[in-house]
Amino acid sequence: MADARPDYFGEEVAARYDDGLGERGEPAAIAATVDFLAGLADGGAALELGIGTGRIALPLAERGVPIHGIDLSEAMVARLRAKPSGDRIPVAIGDFATTRLEREFALVYLVFNTIMNLTTQADQIACFENAAAHLAPGGCFVVEVGVPRGEHLEVFALSDTHVGVDEYEPATQRLVSHHFSLVDGTWVRNSIPFRSAPPGELDLMARLAGMRLRERWSGWSREPFTRESVRHISVWEKP
C-alpha cells in the first residue's frame, strides 16, 4: 500500500461537490439510502468510510444513529463541519483503507462508488479488512458501487453546466471519470482515477476479510439485482 494516497477532492472540487450530485442529491434518494442504513444499524453506531460533505451522514445522524467518519480530504470534511450539526460528527482525517478507530460499530458503509477511489486490488482488500476490524460480531459492511459495463467511453452526466464521461479499460479495470464543469463562464476539467471491480471480486475480498454476503440489491429500496443493473448495494455480514 502506498504511503500517501493522492487527494483528488481538494478545495476546488469540494467547493462545488454538492452542486454536482444530481439525482443522488435529491431528497427521495437520500431518504431511501438513510432508511436502508438505519435499518441495518438497528440502534447501533455507524462508521462512514469517505464521509465527504455529509450527504448521508447528516440525515442518518438526525435519525438517531451515532455516526463517525473517516476521510482523506480535509476540504470535503470542512464542508461537512460547516453544515448544521456537522461539527458534532467525529471525523478522522486519513486513508479509509487503513485508518483505525479504537471502537466497534454495528454498521460500516461506503456509498456513491467511493470504494473505487482505491485504485489497486491490494488497497481494496485492505479496505474490506479495515471494515471488518471495525465491525462488532453480527455487524454489516455496505458498499454502493457501479457495475462494470464494458464500454470504453460512457457519458454519465449531461447538463448545461456539467458533463461527465467515464473512460474504462476492462483489461486493467482502470476507470477515469472526467468531469467538465462550467465555472464562472469557463469550462474546467477534472479527471479522477478509479478501479472498477465486479461483484464477484468484491465477494472474494469480503471472504478474505472474514465476512459473508448477506444480500445484494440494485437500489436502496431493495430492487432486485439483475444482469441489467448498473449498480449494486451489497451487504456483507461479520459472523
C-alpha atoms as a PDB file:
ATOM      1  CA  MET A   1       0.000   0.000   0.000  1.00  0.00           C
ATOM      2  CA  ALA A   2       1.197   3.476  -0.884  1.00  0.00           C
ATOM      3  CA  ASP A   3       2.459   5.588   1.981  1.00  0.00           C
ATOM      4  CA  ALA A   4       0.464   8.635   0.896  1.00  0.00           C
ATOM      5  CA  ARG A   5      -2.662   8.433  -1.264  1.00  0.00           C
ATOM      6  CA  PRO A   6      -3.290  11.436  -3.558  1.00  0.00           C
ATOM      7  CA  ASP A   7      -6.212  13.629  -2.518  1.00  0.00           C
ATOM      8  CA  TYR A   8      -8.329  14.267  -5.621  1.00  0.00           C
ATOM      9  CA  PHE A   9     -11.006  16.025  -3.585  1.00  0.00           C
ATOM     10  CA  GLY A  10      -9.202  19.209  -2.637  1.00  0.00           C
ATOM     11  CA  GLU A  11     -10.621  22.693  -2.191  1.00  0.00           C
ATOM     12  CA  GLU A  12     -11.514  23.245  -5.861  1.00  0.00           C
ATOM     13  CA  VAL A  13     -13.528  20.022  -6.065  1.00  0.00           C
ATOM     14  CA  ALA A  14     -15.020  20.314  -2.573  1.00  0.00           C
ATOM     15  CA  ALA A  15     -16.320  23.826  -3.289  1.00  0.00           C
ATOM     16  CA  ARG A  16     -18.684  22.557  -5.990  1.00  0.00           C
ATOM     17  CA  TYR A  17     -19.126  18.921  -4.966  1.00  0.00           C
ATOM     18  CA  ASP A  18     -22.647  19.221  -3.551  1.00  0.00           C
ATOM     19  CA  ASP A  19     -23.822  21.105  -6.645  1.00  0.00           C
ATOM     20  CA  GLY A  20     -22.846  18.179  -8.882  1.00  0.00           C
ATOM     21  CA  LEU A  21     -24.634  15.389  -7.027  1.00  0.00           C
ATOM     22  CA  GLY A  22     -27.521  15.238  -9.485  1.00  0.00           C
ATOM     23  CA  GLU A  23     -30.160  12.624  -8.656  1.00  0.00           C
ATOM     24  CA  ARG A  24     -28.157  11.389  -5.657  1.00  0.00           C
ATOM     25  CA  GLY A  25     -28.700  14.731  -4.000  1.00  0.00           C
ATOM     26  CA  GLU A  26     -32.489  14.546  -4.318  1.00  0.00           C
ATOM     27  CA  PRO A  27     -34.403  14.192  -1.020  1.00  0.00           C
ATOM     28  CA  ALA A  28     -36.093  10.951  -2.119  1.00  0.00           C
ATOM     29  CA  ALA A  29     -32.770   9.301  -2.995  1.00  0.00           C
ATOM     30  CA  ILE A  30     -31.190  10.391   0.284  1.00  0.00           C
ATOM     31  CA  ALA A  31     -34.228   9.209   2.280  1.00  0.00           C
ATOM     32  CA  ALA A  32     -34.117   5.741   0.683  1.00  0.00           C
ATOM     33  CA  THR A  33     -30.406   5.434   1.470  1.00  0.00           C
ATOM     34  CA  VAL A  34     -30.866   6.569   5.063  1.00  0.00           C
ATOM     35  CA  ASP A  35     -33.827   4.215   5.609  1.00  0.00           C
ATOM     36  CA  PHE A  36     -31.761   1.261   4.380  1.00  0.00           C
ATOM     37  CA  LEU A  37     -28.727   2.080   6.513  1.00  0.00           C
ATOM     38  CA  ALA A  38     -30.672   2.984   9.644  1.00  0.00           C
ATOM     39  CA  GLY A  39     -32.448  -0.358   9.465  1.00  0.00           C
ATOM     40  CA  LEU A  40     -29.143  -2.224   9.330  1.00  0.00           C
ATOM     41  CA  ALA A  41     -27.648  -0.160  12.171  1.00  0.00           C
ATOM     42  CA  ASP A  42     -30.673  -1.170  14.259  1.00  0.00           C
ATOM     43  CA  GLY A  43     -29.906   1.279  17.042  1.00  0.00           C
ATOM     44  CA  GLY A  44     -26.130   0.785  16.942  1.00  0.00           C
ATOM     45  CA  ALA A  45     -23.385   3.143  15.816  1.00  0.00           C
ATOM     46  CA  ALA A  46     -22.237   3.529  12.194  1.00  0.00           C
ATOM     47  CA  LEU A  47     -18.950   4.394  10.517  1.00  0.00           C
ATOM     48  CA  GLU A  48     -18.885   6.012   7.063  1.00  0.00           C
ATOM     49  CA  LEU A  49     -15.715   5.495   5.047  1.00  0.00           C
ATOM     50  CA  GLY A  50     -15.228   8.510   2.792  1.00  0.00           C
ATOM     51  CA  ILE A  51     -17.763  10.618   4.687  1.00  0.00           C
ATOM     52  CA  GLY A  52     -17.142  13.647   2.466  1.00  0.00           C
ATOM     53  CA  THR A  53     -19.518  16.575   2.879  1.00  0.00           C
ATOM     54  CA  GLY A  54     -22.044  14.551   4.870  1.00  0.00           C
ATOM     55  CA  ARG A  55     -24.747  13.908   2.253  1.00  0.00           C
ATOM     56  CA  ILE A  56     -25.732  10.671   4.030  1.00  0.00           C
ATOM     57  CA  ALA A  57     -24.086  11.037   7.441  1.00  0.00           C
ATOM     58  CA  LEU A  58     -26.026  14.138   8.486  1.00  0.00           C
ATOM     59  CA  PRO A  59     -29.552  12.823   7.817  1.00  0.00           C
ATOM     60  CA  LEU A  60     -28.554   9.447   9.271  1.00  0.00           C
ATOM     61  CA  ALA A  61     -27.423  11.206  12.451  1.00  0.00           C
ATOM     62  CA  GLU A  62     -30.762  13.038  12.521  1.00  0.00           C
ATOM     63  CA  ARG A  63     -32.407   9.618  12.628  1.00  0.00           C
ATOM     64  CA  GLY A  64     -30.596   8.975  15.904  1.00  0.00           C
ATOM     65  CA  VAL A  65     -27.776   6.812  14.542  1.00  0.00           C
ATOM     66  CA  PRO A  66     -24.437   7.721  16.195  1.00  0.00           C
ATOM     67  CA  ILE A  67     -22.097   8.462  13.277  1.00  0.00           C
ATOM     68  CA  HIS A  68     -18.316   8.527  12.937  1.00  0.00           C
ATOM     69  CA  GLY A  69     -16.389   9.113   9.731  1.00  0.00           C
ATOM     70  CA  ILE A  70     -13.020   8.707   8.043  1.00  0.00           C
ATOM     71  CA  ASP A  71     -11.946  10.805   5.065  1.00  0.00           C
ATOM     72  CA  LEU A  72      -8.698  11.757   3.388  1.00  0.00           C
ATOM     73  CA  SER A  73      -9.882  15.185   2.227  1.00  0.00           C
ATOM     74  CA  GLU A  74      -9.728  17.987   4.769  1.00  0.00           C
ATOM     75  CA  ALA A  75     -11.504  20.255   2.276  1.00  0.00           C
ATOM     76  CA  MET A  76     -14.513  17.929   1.999  1.00  0.00           C
ATOM     77  CA  VAL A  77     -14.713  17.460   5.765  1.00  0.00           C
ATOM     78  CA  ALA A  78     -14.569  21.236   6.230  1.00  0.00           C
ATOM     79  CA  ARG A  79     -17.784  21.456   4.159  1.00  0.00           C
ATOM     80  CA  LEU A  80     -19.368  18.860   6.431  1.00  0.00           C
ATOM     81  CA  ARG A  81     -18.369  20.700   9.578  1.00  0.00           C
ATOM     82  CA  ALA A  82     -19.760  23.976   8.232  1.00  0.00           C
ATOM     83  CA  LYS A  83     -23.252  22.500   7.889  1.00  0.00           C
ATOM     84  CA  PRO A  84     -25.806  22.479  10.726  1.00  0.00           C
ATOM     85  CA  SER A  85     -24.805  19.803  13.287  1.00  0.00           C
ATOM     86  CA  GLY A  86     -21.877  18.814  11.096  1.00  0.00           C
ATOM     87  CA  ASP A  87     -19.369  19.696  13.791  1.00  0.00           C
ATOM     88  CA  ARG A  88     -20.975  17.097  16.073  1.00  0.00           C
ATOM     89  CA  ILE A  89     -19.860  14.168  13.895  1.00  0.00           C
ATOM     90  CA  PRO A  90     -16.382  12.873  14.829  1.00  0.00           C
ATOM     91  CA  VAL A  91     -14.231  12.507  11.712  1.00  0.00           C
ATOM     92  CA  ALA A  92     -10.707  11.111  11.469  1.00  0.00           C
ATOM     93  CA  ILE A  93      -8.626  12.553   8.634  1.00  0.00           C
ATOM     94  CA  GLY A  94      -6.840   9.704   6.925  1.00  0.00           C
ATOM     95  CA  ASP A  95      -6.911   6.882   4.391  1.00  0.00           C
ATOM     96  CA  PHE A  96     -10.107   4.930   4.982  1.00  0.00           C
ATOM     97  CA  ALA A  97      -8.427   1.717   3.826  1.00  0.00           C
ATOM     98  CA  THR A  98      -6.049   1.763   6.797  1.00  0.00           C
ATOM     99  CA  THR A  99      -7.096   4.356   9.397  1.00  0.00           C
ATOM    100  CA  ARG A 100      -8.284   2.585  12.530  1.00  0.00           C
ATOM    101  CA  LEU A 101     -10.636   3.902  15.204  1.00  0.00           C
ATOM    102  CA  GLU A 102     -10.477   2.313  18.629  1.00  0.00           C
ATOM    103  CA  ARG A 103     -14.097   1.176  18.790  1.00  0.00           C
ATOM    104  CA  GLU A 104     -16.562  -1.188  17.139  1.00  0.00           C
ATOM    105  CA  PHE A 105     -19.639  -0.413  15.067  1.00  0.00           C
ATOM    106  CA  ALA A 106     -22.862  -2.157  14.094  1.00  0.00           C
ATOM    107  CA  LEU A 107     -22.514  -0.784  10.567  1.00  0.00           C
ATOM    108  CA  VAL A 108     -19.681   0.334   8.292  1.00  0.00           C
ATOM    109  CA  TYR A 109     -20.621   1.706   4.888  1.00  0.00           C
ATOM    110  CA  LEU A 110     -19.279   3.193   1.643  1.00  0.00           C
ATOM    111  CA  VAL A 111     -21.616   4.932  -0.816  1.00  0.00           C
ATOM    112  CA  PHE A 112     -21.543   6.583  -4.258  1.00  0.00           C
ATOM    113  CA  ASN A 113     -18.688   4.480  -5.794  1.00  0.00           C
ATOM    114  CA  THR A 114     -16.263   5.519  -3.038  1.00  0.00           C
ATOM    115  CA  ILE A 115     -14.682   2.047  -2.942  1.00  0.00           C
ATOM    116  CA  MET A 116     -13.341   2.769  -6.445  1.00  0.00           C
ATOM    117  CA  ASN A 117     -11.206   5.617  -5.122  1.00  0.00           C
ATOM    118  CA  LEU A 118      -8.872   2.821  -4.027  1.00  0.00           C
ATOM    119  CA  THR A 119      -7.090   2.195  -7.316  1.00  0.00           C
ATOM    120  CA  THR A 120      -5.397  -1.160  -6.645  1.00  0.00           C
ATOM    121  CA  GLN A 121      -6.760  -4.542  -5.678  1.00  0.00           C
ATOM    122  CA  ALA A 122      -4.484  -4.606  -2.622  1.00  0.00           C
ATOM    123  CA  ASP A 123      -5.931  -1.320  -1.362  1.00  0.00           C
ATOM    124  CA  GLN A 124      -9.490  -2.515  -1.854  1.00  0.00           C
ATOM    125  CA  ILE A 125      -8.741  -5.724   0.050  1.00  0.00           C
ATOM    126  CA  ALA A 126      -7.220  -3.622   2.839  1.00  0.00           C
ATOM    127  CA  CYS A 127     -10.444  -1.600   2.960  1.00  0.00           C
ATOM    128  CA  PHE A 128     -12.527  -4.743   3.453  1.00  0.00           C
ATOM    129  CA  GLU A 129     -10.153  -5.866   6.187  1.00  0.00           C
ATOM    130  CA  ASN A 130     -10.374  -2.461   7.855  1.00  0.00           C
ATOM    131  CA  ALA A 131     -14.169  -2.519   7.697  1.00  0.00           C
ATOM    132  CA  ALA A 132     -14.265  -5.993   9.243  1.00  0.00           C
ATOM    133  CA  ALA A 133     -11.894  -4.891  12.021  1.00  0.00           C
ATOM    134  CA  HIS A 134     -14.312  -2.085  12.924  1.00  0.00           C
ATOM    135  CA  LEU A 135     -17.410  -4.299  12.992  1.00  0.00           C
ATOM    136  CA  ALA A 136     -18.867  -5.892  16.069  1.00  0.00           C
ATOM    137  CA  PRO A 137     -19.899  -9.546  15.613  1.00  0.00           C
ATOM    138  CA  GLY A 138     -23.078  -9.629  13.535  1.00  0.00           C
ATOM    139  CA  GLY A 139     -22.323  -6.179  12.110  1.00  0.00           C
ATOM    140  CA  CYS A 140     -22.652  -5.335   8.414  1.00  0.00           C
ATOM    141  CA  PHE A 141     -20.447  -3.727   5.773  1.00  0.00           C
ATOM    142  CA  VAL A 142     -22.377  -1.984   2.972  1.00  0.00           C
ATOM    143  CA  VAL A 143     -20.960  -0.875  -0.379  1.00  0.00           C
ATOM    144  CA  GLU A 144     -22.797   1.018  -3.117  1.00  0.00           C
ATOM    145  CA  VAL A 145     -20.917   0.890  -6.409  1.00  0.00           C
ATOM    146  CA  GLY A 146     -21.489   0.780 -10.153  1.00  0.00           C
ATOM    147  CA  VAL A 147     -21.273  -2.427 -12.159  1.00  0.00           C
ATOM    148  CA  PRO A 148     -18.518  -2.508 -14.825  1.00  0.00           C
ATOM    149  CA  ARG A 149     -20.351  -2.130 -18.141  1.00  0.00           C
ATOM    150  CA  GLY A 150     -17.545  -2.780 -20.622  1.00  0.00           C
ATOM    151  CA  GLU A 151     -17.999   0.408 -22.681  1.00  0.00           C
ATOM    152  CA  HIS A 152     -14.752   2.268 -23.319  1.00  0.00           C
ATOM    153  CA  LEU A 153     -16.416   5.695 -23.105  1.00  0.00           C
ATOM    154  CA  GLU A 154     -19.734   6.455 -21.432  1.00  0.00           C
ATOM    155  CA  VAL A 155     -21.442   9.774 -20.687  1.00  0.00           C
ATOM    156  CA  PHE A 156     -22.836   9.570 -17.147  1.00  0.00           C
ATOM    157  CA  ALA A 157     -23.854  13.214 -16.677  1.00  0.00           C
ATOM    158  CA  LEU A 158     -25.020  15.851 -19.132  1.00  0.00           C
ATOM    159  CA  SER A 159     -26.339  19.296 -18.279  1.00  0.00           C
ATOM    160  CA  ASP A 160     -25.742  22.918 -19.227  1.00  0.00           C
ATOM    161  CA  THR A 161     -23.066  23.260 -16.539  1.00  0.00           C
ATOM    162  CA  HIS A 162     -21.640  19.755 -16.107  1.00  0.00           C
ATOM    163  CA  VAL A 163     -20.615  16.927 -18.421  1.00  0.00           C
ATOM    164  CA  GLY A 164     -19.294  13.645 -17.046  1.00  0.00           C
ATOM    165  CA  VAL A 165     -17.540  10.994 -19.131  1.00  0.00           C
ATOM    166  CA  ASP A 166     -16.220   7.659 -17.857  1.00  0.00           C
ATOM    167  CA  GLU A 167     -13.231   6.143 -19.647  1.00  0.00           C
ATOM    168  CA  TYR A 168     -12.927   2.423 -18.863  1.00  0.00           C
ATOM    169  CA  GLU A 169     -10.245  -0.133 -19.740  1.00  0.00           C
ATOM    170  CA  PRO A 170     -11.512  -3.682 -18.986  1.00  0.00           C
ATOM    171  CA  ALA A 171      -8.059  -5.277 -19.294  1.00  0.00           C
ATOM    172  CA  THR A 172      -6.718  -3.294 -16.329  1.00  0.00           C
ATOM    173  CA  GLN A 173     -10.027  -2.443 -14.569  1.00  0.00           C
ATOM    174  CA  ARG A 174      -8.886   1.187 -14.628  1.00  0.00           C
ATOM    175  CA  LEU A 175     -11.653   3.753 -14.889  1.00  0.00           C
ATOM    176  CA  VAL A 176     -11.140   7.505 -15.160  1.00  0.00           C
ATOM    177  CA  SER A 177     -14.062   9.859 -14.566  1.00  0.00           C
ATOM    178  CA  HIS A 178     -13.674  13.103 -16.494  1.00  0.00           C
ATOM    179  CA  HIS A 179     -15.754  15.996 -15.166  1.00  0.00           C
ATOM    180  CA  PHE A 180     -16.212  19.120 -17.286  1.00  0.00           C
ATOM    181  CA  SER A 181     -17.778  21.906 -15.204  1.00  0.00           C
ATOM    182  CA  LEU A 182     -18.774  25.409 -16.217  1.00  0.00           C
ATOM    183  CA  VAL A 183     -17.218  27.721 -13.618  1.00  0.00           C
ATOM    184  CA  ASP A 184     -17.565  31.486 -13.991  1.00  0.00           C
ATOM    185  CA  GLY A 185     -18.067  31.139 -17.738  1.00  0.00           C
ATOM    186  CA  THR A 186     -15.091  28.810 -18.257  1.00  0.00           C
ATOM    187  CA  TRP A 187     -15.140  25.042 -18.690  1.00  0.00           C
ATOM    188  CA  VAL A 188     -12.906  23.339 -16.143  1.00  0.00           C
ATOM    189  CA  ARG A 189     -11.820  19.696 -16.481  1.00  0.00           C
ATOM    190  CA  ASN A 190     -11.128  17.446 -13.508  1.00  0.00           C
ATOM    191  CA  SER A 191     -10.141  13.794 -14.032  1.00  0.00           C
ATOM    192  CA  ILE A 192     -10.181  11.249 -11.205  1.00  0.00           C
ATOM    193  CA  PRO A 193      -8.815   7.678 -11.465  1.00  0.00           C
ATOM    194  CA  PHE A 194     -10.714   4.701 -10.084  1.00  0.00           C
ATOM    195  CA  ARG A 195     -10.563   0.910 -10.044  1.00  0.00           C
ATOM    196  CA  SER A 196     -13.727  -0.918 -11.033  1.00  0.00           C
ATOM    197  CA  ALA A 197     -14.282  -4.426  -9.638  1.00  0.00           C
ATOM    198  CA  PRO A 198     -17.203  -6.770 -10.406  1.00  0.00           C
ATOM    199  CA  PRO A 199     -19.465  -8.029  -7.608  1.00  0.00           C
ATOM    200  CA  GLY A 200     -17.832 -11.458  -7.518  1.00  0.00           C
ATOM    201  CA  GLU A 201     -14.404  -9.970  -6.886  1.00  0.00           C
ATOM    202  CA  LEU A 202     -15.794  -7.879  -4.030  1.00  0.00           C
ATOM    203  CA  ASP A 203     -17.387 -11.010  -2.568  1.00  0.00           C
ATOM    204  CA  LEU A 204     -13.969 -12.671  -2.551  1.00  0.00           C
ATOM    205  CA  MET A 205     -12.448  -9.644  -0.802  1.00  0.00           C
ATOM    206  CA  ALA A 206     -15.166  -9.926   1.826  1.00  0.00           C
ATOM    207  CA  ARG A 207     -14.405 -13.621   2.346  1.00  0.00           C
ATOM    208  CA  LEU A 208     -10.708 -12.846   2.747  1.00  0.00           C
ATOM    209  CA  ALA A 209     -11.703 -10.377   5.466  1.00  0.00           C
ATOM    210  CA  GLY A 210     -13.865 -12.957   7.238  1.00  0.00           C
ATOM    211  CA  MET A 211     -17.264 -11.699   6.057  1.00  0.00           C
ATOM    212  CA  ARG A 212     -20.042 -13.330   4.051  1.00  0.00           C
ATOM    213  CA  LEU A 213     -22.587 -11.940   1.611  1.00  0.00           C
ATOM    214  CA  ARG A 214     -25.944 -11.305   3.254  1.00  0.00           C
ATOM    215  CA  GLU A 215     -27.865  -9.522   0.491  1.00  0.00           C
ATOM    216  CA  ARG A 216     -27.426  -7.650  -2.769  1.00  0.00           C
ATOM    217  CA  TRP A 217     -29.785  -5.181  -4.453  1.00  0.00           C
ATOM    218  CA  SER A 218     -29.753  -2.809  -7.405  1.00  0.00           C
ATOM    219  CA  GLY A 219     -31.145   0.108  -5.394  1.00  0.00           C
ATOM    220  CA  TRP A 220     -31.693   1.391  -1.873  1.00  0.00           C
ATOM    221  CA  SER A 221     -35.377   0.404  -1.997  1.00  0.00           C
ATOM    222  CA  ARG A 222     -34.247  -3.225  -2.392  1.00  0.00           C
ATOM    223  CA  GLU A 223     -34.932  -3.508  -6.096  1.00  0.00           C
ATOM    224  CA  PRO A 224     -33.759  -6.916  -7.422  1.00  0.00           C
ATOM    225  CA  PHE A 225     -30.204  -7.149  -8.726  1.00  0.00           C
ATOM    226  CA  THR A 226     -30.232  -8.451 -12.320  1.00  0.00           C
ATOM    227  CA  ARG A 227     -27.992  -8.580 -15.372  1.00  0.00           C
ATOM    228  CA  GLU A 228     -29.438  -5.192 -16.370  1.00  0.00           C
ATOM    229  CA  SER A 229     -28.468  -3.475 -13.113  1.00  0.00           C
ATOM    230  CA  VAL A 230     -25.984  -0.606 -13.450  1.00  0.00           C
ATOM    231  CA  ARG A 231     -25.045  -0.582  -9.746  1.00  0.00           C
ATOM    232  CA  HIS A 232     -25.388  -2.742  -6.685  1.00  0.00           C
ATOM    233  CA  ILE A 233     -25.825  -2.245  -2.978  1.00  0.00           C
ATOM    234  CA  SER A 234     -24.129  -5.199  -1.300  1.00  0.00           C
ATOM    235  CA  VAL A 235     -24.284  -6.143   2.375  1.00  0.00           C
ATOM    236  CA  TRP A 236     -21.663  -8.405   3.897  1.00  0.00           C
ATOM    237  CA  GLU A 237     -22.002  -9.650   7.452  1.00  0.00           C
ATOM    238  CA  LYS A 238     -19.326 -10.373  10.043  1.00  0.00           C
ATOM    239  CA  PRO A 239     -20.196 -13.681  11.739  1.00  0.00           C
END
